[in-house]
């Protein structure tokens, strides 16, 4: 359903409390939460298999390997199911679109300029867009290399040793990226609240995502059929 003029969410949804604005739908929050738990299971089971002291304490290598394989295979499933949500599809389009102010945000980040005026953002800032694209690619690489490790000979021109090397290297990169993601979320309680409850403070949104409503208006204009 589309939003009516002046609304902050799809028609028929429960109105937000005064001073709050809808940021994420229930489907988006469920996709994020389920993906996060699956990612955590993948990382924990990997640690239980490959980090010596942890592996000695936990044991159960076959069980850990089985859980690791299936949690990795299931990792893309929440997003694929979430594509039935129009809100999630709209946000994926936003994440895939880089505007001039996103490039300004990245330049300010490289120069360590922290002022909000120097870092304009739509519903998602440029850092979030880069992270989303990177983690999506990393998950795809992990899935492919994991299958190559599981089914040796699936692609004869890629050796199992090469698949293991890439899988392990990307896994460590994901660990650091996820830790940085969690650190950023904890440093911005209102952003974390938006993912937890679906809504954020309107004044916070205006300060940190000043181009958000502008983006929505332009999207509405683009989607409107010609008369």
N, C-alpha and C. Protein backbone atom coordinates (compact mmCIF):
# COMPACT_ATOMS: atom_id res chain seq x y z
N UNK A 1 0.84 -1.20 0.00
CA UNK A 1 0.00 0.00 0.00
C UNK A 1 0.87 1.24 0.00
N UNK A 2 0.38 2.33 -0.59
CA UNK A 2 1.14 3.56 -0.63
C UNK A 2 0.76 4.45 0.53
N UNK A 3 1.63 5.42 0.82
CA UNK A 3 1.37 6.34 1.90
C UNK A 3 0.49 7.49 1.41
N UNK A 4 -0.37 7.98 2.27
CA UNK A 4 -1.14 9.16 1.94
C UNK A 4 -0.31 10.39 2.24
N UNK A 5 -0.73 11.54 1.72
CA UNK A 5 0.03 12.76 1.89
C UNK A 5 0.20 13.07 3.38
N UNK A 6 1.46 13.31 3.77
CA UNK A 6 1.75 13.67 5.14
C UNK A 6 1.90 12.50 6.06
N UNK A 7 1.72 11.27 5.59
CA UNK A 7 1.86 10.10 6.46
C UNK A 7 3.31 9.67 6.51
N UNK A 8 3.65 8.81 7.48
CA UNK A 8 5.01 8.33 7.63
C UNK A 8 5.11 6.84 7.39
N UNK A 9 4.06 6.20 7.00
CA UNK A 9 4.09 4.76 6.75
C UNK A 9 2.98 4.38 5.81
N UNK A 10 2.91 3.12 5.43
CA UNK A 10 1.88 2.66 4.51
C UNK A 10 0.49 2.85 5.09
N UNK A 11 -0.47 3.08 4.21
CA UNK A 11 -1.85 3.26 4.64
C UNK A 11 -2.34 2.03 5.38
N UNK A 12 -3.02 2.23 6.52
CA UNK A 12 -3.55 1.12 7.28
C UNK A 12 -2.66 0.66 8.40
N UNK A 13 -1.40 1.16 8.48
CA UNK A 13 -0.53 0.77 9.57
C UNK A 13 -0.83 1.61 10.80
N UNK A 14 -0.44 1.12 11.96
CA UNK A 14 -0.70 1.83 13.19
C UNK A 14 0.10 3.12 13.21
N UNK A 15 -0.52 4.27 13.52
CA UNK A 15 0.21 5.54 13.53
C UNK A 15 1.29 5.55 14.60
N UNK A 16 2.38 6.25 14.30
CA UNK A 16 3.48 6.34 15.25
C UNK A 16 3.14 7.32 16.37
N UNK A 17 3.73 7.13 17.57
CA UNK A 17 3.54 8.10 18.65
C UNK A 17 4.04 9.47 18.22
N UNK A 18 3.51 10.48 18.88
CA UNK A 18 3.90 11.86 18.54
C UNK A 18 5.42 12.02 18.69
N UNK A 19 6.03 12.65 17.71
CA UNK A 19 7.47 12.85 17.74
C UNK A 19 8.28 11.69 17.20
N UNK A 20 7.61 10.62 16.75
CA UNK A 20 8.31 9.46 16.19
C UNK A 20 7.98 9.32 14.70
N UNK A 21 8.88 8.69 13.98
CA UNK A 21 8.65 8.45 12.55
C UNK A 21 9.03 7.00 12.23
N UNK A 22 8.23 6.37 11.41
CA UNK A 22 8.47 4.97 11.04
C UNK A 22 9.73 4.86 10.19
N UNK A 23 10.64 3.96 10.61
CA UNK A 23 11.89 3.77 9.87
C UNK A 23 11.97 2.39 9.22
N UNK A 24 11.55 1.36 9.96
CA UNK A 24 11.62 0.00 9.42
C UNK A 24 10.31 -0.72 9.69
N UNK A 25 9.88 -1.50 8.71
CA UNK A 25 8.68 -2.31 8.87
C UNK A 25 8.99 -3.55 9.71
N UNK A 26 7.93 -4.24 10.13
CA UNK A 26 8.12 -5.47 10.91
C UNK A 26 8.89 -6.50 10.10
N UNK A 27 8.58 -6.61 8.80
CA UNK A 27 9.27 -7.59 7.96
C UNK A 27 10.77 -7.29 7.89
N UNK A 28 11.13 -6.01 7.76
CA UNK A 28 12.54 -5.65 7.68
C UNK A 28 13.26 -5.97 8.97
N UNK A 29 12.61 -5.71 10.10
CA UNK A 29 13.23 -5.99 11.39
C UNK A 29 13.40 -7.49 11.57
N UNK A 30 12.43 -8.27 11.11
CA UNK A 30 12.52 -9.72 11.24
C UNK A 30 13.64 -10.27 10.37
N UNK A 31 13.79 -9.74 9.16
CA UNK A 31 14.87 -10.16 8.27
C UNK A 31 16.22 -9.85 8.91
N UNK A 32 16.37 -8.64 9.43
CA UNK A 32 17.63 -8.22 10.05
C UNK A 32 17.95 -9.11 11.25
N UNK A 33 16.95 -9.35 12.09
CA UNK A 33 17.17 -10.13 13.31
C UNK A 33 17.52 -11.59 12.98
N UNK A 34 16.79 -12.19 12.05
CA UNK A 34 17.04 -13.58 11.70
C UNK A 34 18.40 -13.73 11.04
N UNK A 35 18.73 -12.82 10.15
CA UNK A 35 20.03 -12.87 9.49
C UNK A 35 21.15 -12.71 10.52
N UNK A 36 20.95 -11.80 11.46
CA UNK A 36 21.95 -11.60 12.50
C UNK A 36 22.20 -12.84 13.34
N UNK A 37 21.12 -13.54 13.73
CA UNK A 37 21.26 -14.76 14.51
C UNK A 37 21.95 -15.86 13.71
N UNK A 38 21.59 -16.00 12.44
CA UNK A 38 22.25 -17.00 11.60
C UNK A 38 23.73 -16.70 11.44
N UNK A 39 24.06 -15.41 11.26
CA UNK A 39 25.46 -15.01 11.15
C UNK A 39 26.20 -15.32 12.44
N UNK A 40 25.57 -15.05 13.58
CA UNK A 40 26.21 -15.34 14.87
C UNK A 40 26.45 -16.84 15.03
N UNK A 41 25.48 -17.67 14.64
CA UNK A 41 25.66 -19.12 14.72
C UNK A 41 26.82 -19.56 13.84
N UNK A 42 26.92 -19.00 12.64
CA UNK A 42 28.04 -19.33 11.74
C UNK A 42 29.38 -19.00 12.39
N UNK A 43 29.49 -17.82 12.97
CA UNK A 43 30.76 -17.39 13.56
C UNK A 43 31.11 -18.20 14.79
N UNK A 44 30.12 -18.47 15.64
CA UNK A 44 30.38 -19.23 16.87
C UNK A 44 30.77 -20.66 16.55
N UNK A 45 30.05 -21.31 15.64
CA UNK A 45 30.39 -22.70 15.30
C UNK A 45 31.75 -22.78 14.60
N UNK A 46 32.09 -21.76 13.81
CA UNK A 46 33.41 -21.73 13.18
C UNK A 46 34.49 -21.64 14.25
N UNK A 47 34.27 -20.80 15.25
CA UNK A 47 35.23 -20.69 16.35
C UNK A 47 35.37 -22.00 17.10
N UNK A 48 34.25 -22.71 17.27
CA UNK A 48 34.27 -23.99 17.98
C UNK A 48 35.02 -25.07 17.20
N UNK A 49 35.20 -24.86 15.91
CA UNK A 49 35.91 -25.86 15.10
C UNK A 49 37.37 -25.52 14.89
N UNK A 50 37.69 -24.23 14.74
CA UNK A 50 39.01 -23.85 14.25
C UNK A 50 39.88 -23.10 15.24
N UNK A 51 39.34 -22.62 16.34
CA UNK A 51 40.16 -21.97 17.35
C UNK A 51 40.46 -23.01 18.43
N UNK A 52 41.72 -23.43 18.51
CA UNK A 52 42.12 -24.57 19.32
C UNK A 52 41.57 -24.64 20.73
N UNK A 53 41.82 -23.63 21.57
CA UNK A 53 41.33 -23.70 22.96
C UNK A 53 39.81 -23.86 23.05
N UNK A 54 39.06 -23.16 22.18
CA UNK A 54 37.60 -23.27 22.20
C UNK A 54 37.17 -24.65 21.72
N UNK A 55 37.83 -25.15 20.68
CA UNK A 55 37.49 -26.48 20.14
C UNK A 55 37.72 -27.56 21.19
N UNK A 56 38.79 -27.44 21.99
CA UNK A 56 39.07 -28.43 23.02
C UNK A 56 38.00 -28.43 24.11
N UNK A 57 37.50 -27.25 24.45
CA UNK A 57 36.49 -27.16 25.51
C UNK A 57 35.13 -27.67 25.01
N UNK A 58 34.76 -27.26 23.79
CA UNK A 58 33.43 -27.59 23.27
C UNK A 58 33.36 -29.02 22.75
N UNK A 59 34.37 -29.42 21.97
CA UNK A 59 34.31 -30.74 21.35
C UNK A 59 33.19 -30.80 20.32
N UNK A 60 32.60 -31.98 20.13
CA UNK A 60 31.45 -32.13 19.24
C UNK A 60 31.70 -31.53 17.85
N UNK A 61 32.84 -31.84 17.28
CA UNK A 61 33.20 -31.21 16.00
C UNK A 61 32.19 -31.53 14.91
N UNK A 62 31.74 -32.77 14.84
CA UNK A 62 30.78 -33.14 13.78
C UNK A 62 29.49 -32.33 13.92
N UNK A 63 29.01 -32.20 15.15
CA UNK A 63 27.79 -31.40 15.37
C UNK A 63 28.02 -29.95 14.99
N UNK A 64 29.15 -29.39 15.41
CA UNK A 64 29.45 -28.00 15.10
C UNK A 64 29.55 -27.80 13.58
N UNK A 65 30.17 -28.76 12.90
CA UNK A 65 30.30 -28.66 11.44
C UNK A 65 28.95 -28.70 10.76
N UNK A 66 28.07 -29.59 11.24
CA UNK A 66 26.74 -29.71 10.64
C UNK A 66 25.93 -28.43 10.84
N UNK A 67 25.94 -27.90 12.06
CA UNK A 67 25.20 -26.66 12.34
C UNK A 67 25.78 -25.52 11.52
N UNK A 68 27.11 -25.48 11.41
CA UNK A 68 27.77 -24.41 10.64
C UNK A 68 27.35 -24.46 9.17
N UNK A 69 27.36 -25.65 8.60
CA UNK A 69 27.00 -25.78 7.18
C UNK A 69 25.57 -25.31 6.92
N UNK A 70 24.64 -25.77 7.73
CA UNK A 70 23.24 -25.46 7.46
C UNK A 70 22.88 -24.02 7.80
N UNK A 71 23.50 -23.46 8.83
CA UNK A 71 23.25 -22.04 9.12
C UNK A 71 23.81 -21.17 8.01
N UNK A 72 24.93 -21.60 7.40
CA UNK A 72 25.48 -20.85 6.27
C UNK A 72 24.59 -20.92 5.04
N UNK A 73 24.05 -22.12 4.77
CA UNK A 73 23.15 -22.28 3.63
C UNK A 73 21.88 -21.46 3.82
N UNK A 74 21.40 -21.39 5.07
CA UNK A 74 20.15 -20.67 5.35
C UNK A 74 20.35 -19.16 5.42
N UNK A 75 21.59 -18.70 5.46
CA UNK A 75 21.85 -17.27 5.67
C UNK A 75 21.14 -16.35 4.67
N UNK A 76 21.10 -16.66 3.37
CA UNK A 76 20.41 -15.77 2.43
C UNK A 76 18.88 -15.88 2.47
N UNK A 77 18.36 -16.93 3.13
CA UNK A 77 16.93 -17.21 3.05
C UNK A 77 16.06 -16.08 3.62
N UNK A 78 16.40 -15.50 4.80
CA UNK A 78 15.54 -14.42 5.32
C UNK A 78 15.40 -13.25 4.34
N UNK A 79 16.51 -12.88 3.70
CA UNK A 79 16.43 -11.78 2.73
C UNK A 79 15.58 -12.16 1.53
N UNK A 80 15.73 -13.39 1.04
CA UNK A 80 14.94 -13.82 -0.11
C UNK A 80 13.45 -13.82 0.22
N UNK A 81 13.10 -14.29 1.41
CA UNK A 81 11.69 -14.26 1.83
C UNK A 81 11.22 -12.83 2.05
N UNK A 82 12.14 -11.98 2.54
CA UNK A 82 11.79 -10.59 2.79
C UNK A 82 11.47 -9.80 1.54
N UNK A 83 11.87 -10.32 0.38
CA UNK A 83 11.59 -9.62 -0.87
C UNK A 83 10.09 -9.53 -1.16
N UNK A 84 9.29 -10.32 -0.45
CA UNK A 84 7.84 -10.19 -0.58
C UNK A 84 7.35 -8.89 0.05
N UNK A 85 8.19 -8.24 0.87
CA UNK A 85 7.82 -6.98 1.53
C UNK A 85 8.17 -5.79 0.63
N UNK A 86 7.18 -4.97 0.34
CA UNK A 86 7.44 -3.79 -0.49
C UNK A 86 8.35 -2.80 0.22
N UNK A 87 8.25 -2.74 1.56
CA UNK A 87 9.11 -1.82 2.32
C UNK A 87 10.58 -2.24 2.19
N UNK A 88 10.84 -3.54 2.28
CA UNK A 88 12.22 -4.00 2.14
C UNK A 88 12.74 -3.76 0.74
N UNK A 89 11.91 -4.01 -0.27
CA UNK A 89 12.36 -3.76 -1.65
C UNK A 89 12.67 -2.29 -1.86
N UNK A 90 11.87 -1.41 -1.27
CA UNK A 90 12.12 0.02 -1.40
C UNK A 90 13.45 0.40 -0.75
N UNK A 91 13.73 -0.18 0.42
CA UNK A 91 14.99 0.13 1.10
C UNK A 91 16.19 -0.45 0.36
N UNK A 92 16.02 -1.60 -0.29
CA UNK A 92 17.10 -2.14 -1.11
C UNK A 92 17.43 -1.20 -2.27
N UNK A 93 16.39 -0.59 -2.84
CA UNK A 93 16.64 0.38 -3.91
C UNK A 93 17.40 1.59 -3.36
N UNK A 94 17.05 2.02 -2.16
CA UNK A 94 17.77 3.14 -1.54
C UNK A 94 19.23 2.77 -1.30
N UNK A 95 19.46 1.58 -0.79
CA UNK A 95 20.84 1.14 -0.51
C UNK A 95 21.66 1.03 -1.79
N UNK A 96 21.01 0.77 -2.90
CA UNK A 96 21.70 0.57 -4.17
C UNK A 96 21.90 1.87 -4.94
N UNK A 97 21.42 2.98 -4.38
CA UNK A 97 21.48 4.26 -5.09
C UNK A 97 22.45 5.20 -4.39
N UNK A 98 23.47 5.68 -5.12
CA UNK A 98 24.45 6.61 -4.57
C UNK A 98 24.18 8.00 -5.15
N UNK A 99 23.96 8.95 -4.27
CA UNK A 99 23.72 10.34 -4.68
C UNK A 99 24.99 11.17 -4.46
N UNK A 100 24.97 12.41 -4.93
CA UNK A 100 26.13 13.28 -4.75
C UNK A 100 26.44 13.49 -3.27
N UNK A 101 25.39 13.59 -2.44
CA UNK A 101 25.66 13.82 -1.02
C UNK A 101 26.25 12.58 -0.34
N UNK A 102 26.06 11.40 -0.94
CA UNK A 102 26.73 10.21 -0.41
C UNK A 102 28.23 10.30 -0.64
N UNK A 103 28.61 10.79 -1.79
CA UNK A 103 30.04 10.98 -2.06
C UNK A 103 30.62 12.05 -1.14
N UNK A 104 29.82 13.09 -0.85
CA UNK A 104 30.26 14.10 0.11
C UNK A 104 30.46 13.47 1.49
N UNK A 105 29.55 12.56 1.89
CA UNK A 105 29.65 11.87 3.18
C UNK A 105 30.95 11.07 3.24
N UNK A 106 31.28 10.35 2.17
CA UNK A 106 32.49 9.56 2.15
C UNK A 106 33.74 10.43 2.21
N UNK A 107 33.73 11.57 1.51
CA UNK A 107 34.87 12.47 1.57
C UNK A 107 35.06 12.99 2.99
N UNK A 108 33.96 13.34 3.65
CA UNK A 108 34.05 13.82 5.03
C UNK A 108 34.55 12.72 5.95
N UNK A 109 34.11 11.48 5.72
CA UNK A 109 34.55 10.36 6.55
C UNK A 109 36.05 10.12 6.39
N UNK A 110 36.55 10.21 5.15
CA UNK A 110 37.99 10.02 4.92
C UNK A 110 38.80 11.10 5.62
N UNK A 111 38.26 12.31 5.69
CA UNK A 111 38.96 13.42 6.34
C UNK A 111 38.68 13.50 7.83
N UNK A 112 37.87 12.54 8.33
CA UNK A 112 37.49 12.48 9.75
C UNK A 112 36.74 13.73 10.21
N UNK A 113 35.96 14.28 9.30
CA UNK A 113 35.08 15.41 9.64
C UNK A 113 33.79 14.84 10.21
N UNK A 114 33.45 15.22 11.45
CA UNK A 114 32.34 14.58 12.14
C UNK A 114 31.04 15.39 12.12
N UNK A 115 31.08 16.62 11.67
CA UNK A 115 29.88 17.46 11.72
C UNK A 115 28.80 16.90 10.81
N UNK A 116 27.55 16.98 11.28
CA UNK A 116 26.43 16.45 10.50
C UNK A 116 26.24 17.23 9.21
N UNK A 117 26.59 18.51 9.21
CA UNK A 117 26.45 19.32 7.99
C UNK A 117 27.37 18.80 6.89
N UNK A 118 28.52 18.26 7.26
CA UNK A 118 29.47 17.75 6.28
C UNK A 118 29.11 16.33 5.84
N UNK A 119 28.17 15.70 6.55
CA UNK A 119 27.81 14.31 6.25
C UNK A 119 26.30 14.18 6.01
N UNK A 120 25.78 14.79 4.96
CA UNK A 120 24.34 14.65 4.69
C UNK A 120 24.01 13.21 4.31
N UNK A 121 22.80 12.78 4.65
CA UNK A 121 22.42 11.40 4.38
C UNK A 121 20.93 11.30 4.11
N UNK A 122 20.57 10.36 3.26
CA UNK A 122 19.17 10.01 3.07
C UNK A 122 18.74 9.07 4.18
N UNK A 123 17.84 8.17 3.89
CA UNK A 123 17.41 7.23 4.92
C UNK A 123 18.59 6.41 5.40
N UNK A 124 19.54 6.11 4.50
CA UNK A 124 20.77 5.42 4.86
C UNK A 124 21.95 6.30 4.47
N UNK A 125 22.94 6.39 5.36
CA UNK A 125 24.12 7.17 4.98
C UNK A 125 25.04 6.32 4.10
N UNK A 126 26.06 6.96 3.55
CA UNK A 126 26.94 6.28 2.60
C UNK A 126 27.67 5.11 3.24
N UNK A 127 28.04 5.26 4.52
CA UNK A 127 28.71 4.16 5.21
C UNK A 127 27.83 2.94 5.32
N UNK A 128 26.55 3.14 5.60
CA UNK A 128 25.62 2.02 5.68
C UNK A 128 25.43 1.36 4.32
N UNK A 129 25.43 2.17 3.27
CA UNK A 129 25.29 1.62 1.93
C UNK A 129 26.50 0.77 1.55
N UNK A 130 27.69 1.27 1.88
CA UNK A 130 28.92 0.52 1.58
C UNK A 130 28.94 -0.78 2.37
N UNK A 131 28.57 -0.70 3.65
CA UNK A 131 28.57 -1.91 4.49
C UNK A 131 27.57 -2.94 3.96
N UNK A 132 26.38 -2.48 3.59
CA UNK A 132 25.35 -3.41 3.10
C UNK A 132 25.83 -4.12 1.84
N UNK A 133 26.42 -3.37 0.92
CA UNK A 133 26.93 -3.99 -0.31
C UNK A 133 28.07 -4.96 -0.03
N UNK A 134 28.96 -4.56 0.89
CA UNK A 134 30.11 -5.41 1.20
C UNK A 134 29.67 -6.70 1.87
N UNK A 135 28.78 -6.61 2.85
CA UNK A 135 28.38 -7.82 3.58
C UNK A 135 27.57 -8.76 2.68
N UNK A 136 26.79 -8.19 1.76
CA UNK A 136 26.05 -9.04 0.81
C UNK A 136 27.03 -9.81 -0.08
N UNK A 137 28.06 -9.14 -0.57
CA UNK A 137 29.07 -9.82 -1.39
C UNK A 137 29.85 -10.84 -0.60
N UNK A 138 30.17 -10.51 0.66
CA UNK A 138 30.94 -11.42 1.50
C UNK A 138 30.15 -12.69 1.79
N UNK A 139 28.85 -12.55 2.06
CA UNK A 139 28.01 -13.72 2.32
C UNK A 139 27.95 -14.61 1.08
N UNK A 140 27.85 -14.00 -0.10
CA UNK A 140 27.82 -14.78 -1.34
C UNK A 140 29.13 -15.55 -1.51
N UNK A 141 30.27 -14.90 -1.25
CA UNK A 141 31.57 -15.56 -1.37
C UNK A 141 31.66 -16.71 -0.37
N UNK A 142 31.21 -16.47 0.87
CA UNK A 142 31.25 -17.52 1.89
C UNK A 142 30.37 -18.71 1.50
N UNK A 143 29.22 -18.42 0.92
CA UNK A 143 28.31 -19.50 0.51
C UNK A 143 28.94 -20.35 -0.59
N UNK A 144 29.51 -19.68 -1.60
CA UNK A 144 30.11 -20.42 -2.73
C UNK A 144 31.32 -21.21 -2.27
N UNK A 145 32.22 -20.58 -1.52
CA UNK A 145 33.43 -21.29 -1.08
C UNK A 145 33.07 -22.42 -0.10
N UNK A 146 32.04 -22.18 0.73
CA UNK A 146 31.60 -23.23 1.64
C UNK A 146 31.09 -24.45 0.89
N UNK A 147 30.32 -24.22 -0.17
CA UNK A 147 29.82 -25.34 -0.98
C UNK A 147 30.97 -26.07 -1.68
N UNK A 148 31.99 -25.31 -2.10
CA UNK A 148 33.15 -25.94 -2.74
C UNK A 148 33.93 -26.80 -1.75
N UNK A 149 33.95 -26.37 -0.49
CA UNK A 149 34.61 -27.17 0.54
C UNK A 149 33.78 -28.41 0.88
N UNK A 150 32.47 -28.25 0.87
CA UNK A 150 31.56 -29.34 1.24
C UNK A 150 31.48 -30.39 0.13
N UNK A 151 31.34 -29.90 -1.10
CA UNK A 151 31.23 -30.80 -2.25
C UNK A 151 32.50 -30.66 -3.10
N UNK A 152 33.53 -31.37 -2.72
CA UNK A 152 34.79 -31.30 -3.46
C UNK A 152 34.57 -31.72 -4.91
N UNK A 153 35.14 -30.94 -5.82
CA UNK A 153 34.98 -31.25 -7.23
C UNK A 153 33.78 -30.61 -7.88
N UNK A 154 33.03 -29.78 -7.10
CA UNK A 154 31.87 -29.11 -7.68
C UNK A 154 32.27 -28.22 -8.84
N UNK A 155 33.39 -27.51 -8.68
CA UNK A 155 33.99 -26.73 -9.77
C UNK A 155 35.43 -27.20 -9.88
N UNK A 156 35.72 -28.11 -10.78
CA UNK A 156 37.05 -28.74 -10.84
C UNK A 156 38.20 -27.75 -11.02
N UNK A 157 37.95 -26.60 -11.63
CA UNK A 157 39.02 -25.64 -11.88
C UNK A 157 39.36 -24.81 -10.64
N UNK A 158 38.61 -24.98 -9.54
CA UNK A 158 38.92 -24.31 -8.28
C UNK A 158 39.23 -25.39 -7.24
N UNK A 159 40.44 -25.37 -6.73
CA UNK A 159 40.85 -26.41 -5.78
C UNK A 159 40.20 -26.16 -4.41
N UNK A 160 40.06 -27.23 -3.65
CA UNK A 160 39.50 -27.13 -2.31
C UNK A 160 40.41 -26.27 -1.42
N UNK A 161 41.71 -26.36 -1.63
CA UNK A 161 42.66 -25.55 -0.84
C UNK A 161 42.41 -24.06 -1.06
N UNK A 162 42.19 -23.69 -2.32
CA UNK A 162 41.92 -22.28 -2.63
C UNK A 162 40.62 -21.83 -1.99
N UNK A 163 39.60 -22.69 -2.04
CA UNK A 163 38.31 -22.36 -1.43
C UNK A 163 38.44 -22.16 0.08
N UNK A 164 39.24 -23.04 0.73
CA UNK A 164 39.44 -22.92 2.17
C UNK A 164 40.15 -21.60 2.50
N UNK A 165 41.17 -21.26 1.72
CA UNK A 165 41.92 -20.02 1.98
C UNK A 165 41.01 -18.80 1.88
N UNK A 166 40.22 -18.72 0.79
CA UNK A 166 39.32 -17.58 0.60
C UNK A 166 38.25 -17.56 1.69
N UNK A 167 37.70 -18.73 2.00
CA UNK A 167 36.65 -18.83 3.02
C UNK A 167 37.16 -18.32 4.37
N UNK A 168 38.35 -18.74 4.76
CA UNK A 168 38.90 -18.33 6.05
C UNK A 168 39.23 -16.84 6.07
N UNK A 169 39.80 -16.34 4.98
CA UNK A 169 40.17 -14.92 4.92
C UNK A 169 38.94 -14.02 5.00
N UNK A 170 37.91 -14.36 4.24
CA UNK A 170 36.69 -13.56 4.25
C UNK A 170 35.98 -13.68 5.60
N UNK A 171 36.08 -14.87 6.23
CA UNK A 171 35.45 -15.06 7.54
C UNK A 171 36.04 -14.09 8.56
N UNK A 172 37.36 -13.95 8.58
CA UNK A 172 37.98 -13.00 9.51
C UNK A 172 37.58 -11.57 9.19
N UNK A 173 37.47 -11.25 7.90
CA UNK A 173 37.03 -9.91 7.52
C UNK A 173 35.61 -9.65 8.01
N UNK A 174 34.74 -10.67 7.92
CA UNK A 174 33.37 -10.53 8.41
C UNK A 174 33.34 -10.32 9.91
N UNK A 175 34.19 -11.04 10.64
CA UNK A 175 34.24 -10.87 12.10
C UNK A 175 34.51 -9.41 12.45
N UNK A 176 35.53 -8.82 11.84
CA UNK A 176 35.87 -7.42 12.15
C UNK A 176 34.77 -6.47 11.68
N UNK A 177 34.17 -6.75 10.52
CA UNK A 177 33.10 -5.88 10.02
C UNK A 177 31.87 -5.94 10.91
N UNK A 178 31.50 -7.13 11.37
CA UNK A 178 30.34 -7.28 12.25
C UNK A 178 30.58 -6.61 13.59
N UNK A 179 31.79 -6.78 14.13
CA UNK A 179 32.13 -6.12 15.40
C UNK A 179 32.05 -4.60 15.26
N UNK A 180 32.54 -4.07 14.13
CA UNK A 180 32.45 -2.63 13.90
C UNK A 180 30.99 -2.20 13.75
N UNK A 181 30.18 -3.04 13.10
CA UNK A 181 28.76 -2.75 12.93
C UNK A 181 28.05 -2.68 14.29
N UNK A 182 28.34 -3.64 15.16
CA UNK A 182 27.74 -3.66 16.49
C UNK A 182 28.21 -2.46 17.31
N UNK A 183 29.49 -2.13 17.20
CA UNK A 183 30.03 -0.97 17.93
C UNK A 183 29.34 0.32 17.50
N UNK A 184 29.14 0.48 16.20
CA UNK A 184 28.45 1.67 15.69
C UNK A 184 27.01 1.72 16.18
N UNK A 185 26.35 0.56 16.17
CA UNK A 185 24.95 0.52 16.61
C UNK A 185 24.84 0.92 18.08
N UNK A 186 25.77 0.42 18.92
CA UNK A 186 25.73 0.74 20.34
C UNK A 186 26.07 2.20 20.60
N UNK A 187 26.85 2.80 19.68
CA UNK A 187 27.22 4.22 19.83
C UNK A 187 26.08 5.14 19.42
N UNK A 188 25.06 4.61 18.72
CA UNK A 188 23.93 5.42 18.28
C UNK A 188 22.63 4.75 18.75
N UNK A 189 22.26 4.98 20.00
CA UNK A 189 21.10 4.29 20.58
C UNK A 189 19.80 4.49 19.80
N UNK A 190 19.61 5.67 19.22
CA UNK A 190 18.37 5.92 18.49
C UNK A 190 18.30 5.09 17.22
N UNK A 191 19.44 4.91 16.55
CA UNK A 191 19.46 4.04 15.37
C UNK A 191 19.16 2.60 15.77
N UNK A 192 19.70 2.17 16.91
CA UNK A 192 19.44 0.83 17.41
C UNK A 192 17.97 0.68 17.78
N UNK A 193 17.39 1.72 18.36
CA UNK A 193 15.97 1.70 18.70
C UNK A 193 15.11 1.59 17.45
N UNK A 194 15.55 2.22 16.37
CA UNK A 194 14.81 2.13 15.12
C UNK A 194 14.75 0.71 14.59
N UNK A 195 15.85 -0.04 14.74
CA UNK A 195 15.84 -1.43 14.30
C UNK A 195 15.09 -2.31 15.28
N UNK A 196 15.05 -1.93 16.55
CA UNK A 196 14.37 -2.75 17.55
C UNK A 196 12.86 -2.56 17.51
N UNK A 197 12.40 -1.31 17.40
CA UNK A 197 10.96 -1.03 17.47
C UNK A 197 10.36 -0.62 16.13
N UNK A 198 11.22 -0.19 15.19
CA UNK A 198 10.72 0.23 13.89
C UNK A 198 10.59 1.73 13.73
N UNK A 199 10.65 2.50 14.84
CA UNK A 199 10.48 3.95 14.73
C UNK A 199 11.63 4.67 15.42
N UNK A 200 11.86 5.91 14.99
CA UNK A 200 12.92 6.74 15.58
C UNK A 200 12.36 8.12 15.88
N UNK A 201 13.11 8.84 16.71
CA UNK A 201 12.72 10.21 17.05
C UNK A 201 12.78 11.08 15.80
N UNK A 202 11.74 11.86 15.57
CA UNK A 202 11.66 12.68 14.36
C UNK A 202 12.80 13.70 14.30
N UNK A 203 13.13 14.30 15.44
CA UNK A 203 14.21 15.29 15.46
C UNK A 203 15.56 14.64 15.16
N UNK A 204 15.76 13.43 15.68
CA UNK A 204 17.00 12.70 15.39
C UNK A 204 17.10 12.41 13.90
N UNK A 205 16.01 11.98 13.30
CA UNK A 205 16.01 11.68 11.87
C UNK A 205 16.33 12.93 11.05
N UNK A 206 15.78 14.08 11.48
CA UNK A 206 16.03 15.32 10.75
C UNK A 206 17.50 15.73 10.84
N UNK A 207 18.14 15.45 11.99
CA UNK A 207 19.55 15.82 12.17
C UNK A 207 20.48 14.87 11.43
N UNK A 208 20.28 13.57 11.59
CA UNK A 208 21.23 12.58 11.08
C UNK A 208 20.91 12.10 9.66
N UNK A 209 19.70 12.28 9.22
CA UNK A 209 19.29 11.82 7.88
C UNK A 209 18.47 12.92 7.22
N UNK A 210 19.13 14.06 7.04
CA UNK A 210 18.42 15.27 6.60
C UNK A 210 17.81 15.15 5.22
N UNK A 211 18.31 14.24 4.38
CA UNK A 211 17.78 14.10 3.03
C UNK A 211 16.76 12.99 2.92
N UNK A 212 16.40 12.38 4.01
CA UNK A 212 15.51 11.23 4.00
C UNK A 212 14.16 11.56 3.38
N UNK A 213 13.47 12.56 3.89
CA UNK A 213 12.15 12.89 3.37
C UNK A 213 12.24 13.40 1.94
N UNK A 214 13.34 14.12 1.61
CA UNK A 214 13.54 14.58 0.24
C UNK A 214 13.60 13.39 -0.70
N UNK A 215 14.34 12.35 -0.29
CA UNK A 215 14.45 11.14 -1.12
C UNK A 215 13.08 10.52 -1.33
N UNK A 216 12.27 10.45 -0.27
CA UNK A 216 10.96 9.83 -0.38
C UNK A 216 10.07 10.60 -1.35
N UNK A 217 10.13 11.92 -1.30
CA UNK A 217 9.31 12.74 -2.21
C UNK A 217 9.72 12.49 -3.64
N UNK A 218 11.04 12.46 -3.89
CA UNK A 218 11.52 12.23 -5.25
C UNK A 218 11.15 10.83 -5.73
N UNK A 219 11.20 9.85 -4.83
CA UNK A 219 10.81 8.49 -5.20
C UNK A 219 9.33 8.45 -5.56
N UNK A 220 8.50 9.14 -4.76
CA UNK A 220 7.07 9.19 -5.06
C UNK A 220 6.83 9.81 -6.42
N UNK A 221 7.59 10.89 -6.73
CA UNK A 221 7.45 11.55 -8.02
C UNK A 221 7.84 10.62 -9.16
N UNK A 222 8.93 9.82 -8.92
CA UNK A 222 9.40 8.92 -9.96
C UNK A 222 8.40 7.80 -10.24
N UNK A 223 7.77 7.31 -9.14
CA UNK A 223 6.85 6.17 -9.28
C UNK A 223 5.48 6.57 -9.78
N UNK A 224 5.15 7.89 -9.75
CA UNK A 224 3.82 8.33 -10.13
C UNK A 224 3.62 8.16 -11.63
N UNK A 225 2.56 7.51 -12.08
CA UNK A 225 2.33 7.31 -13.51
C UNK A 225 2.04 8.63 -14.20
N UNK A 226 2.44 8.72 -15.45
CA UNK A 226 2.19 9.94 -16.21
C UNK A 226 0.71 10.06 -16.54
N UNK A 227 0.26 11.28 -16.51
CA UNK A 227 -1.17 11.53 -16.81
C UNK A 227 -1.33 11.97 -18.26
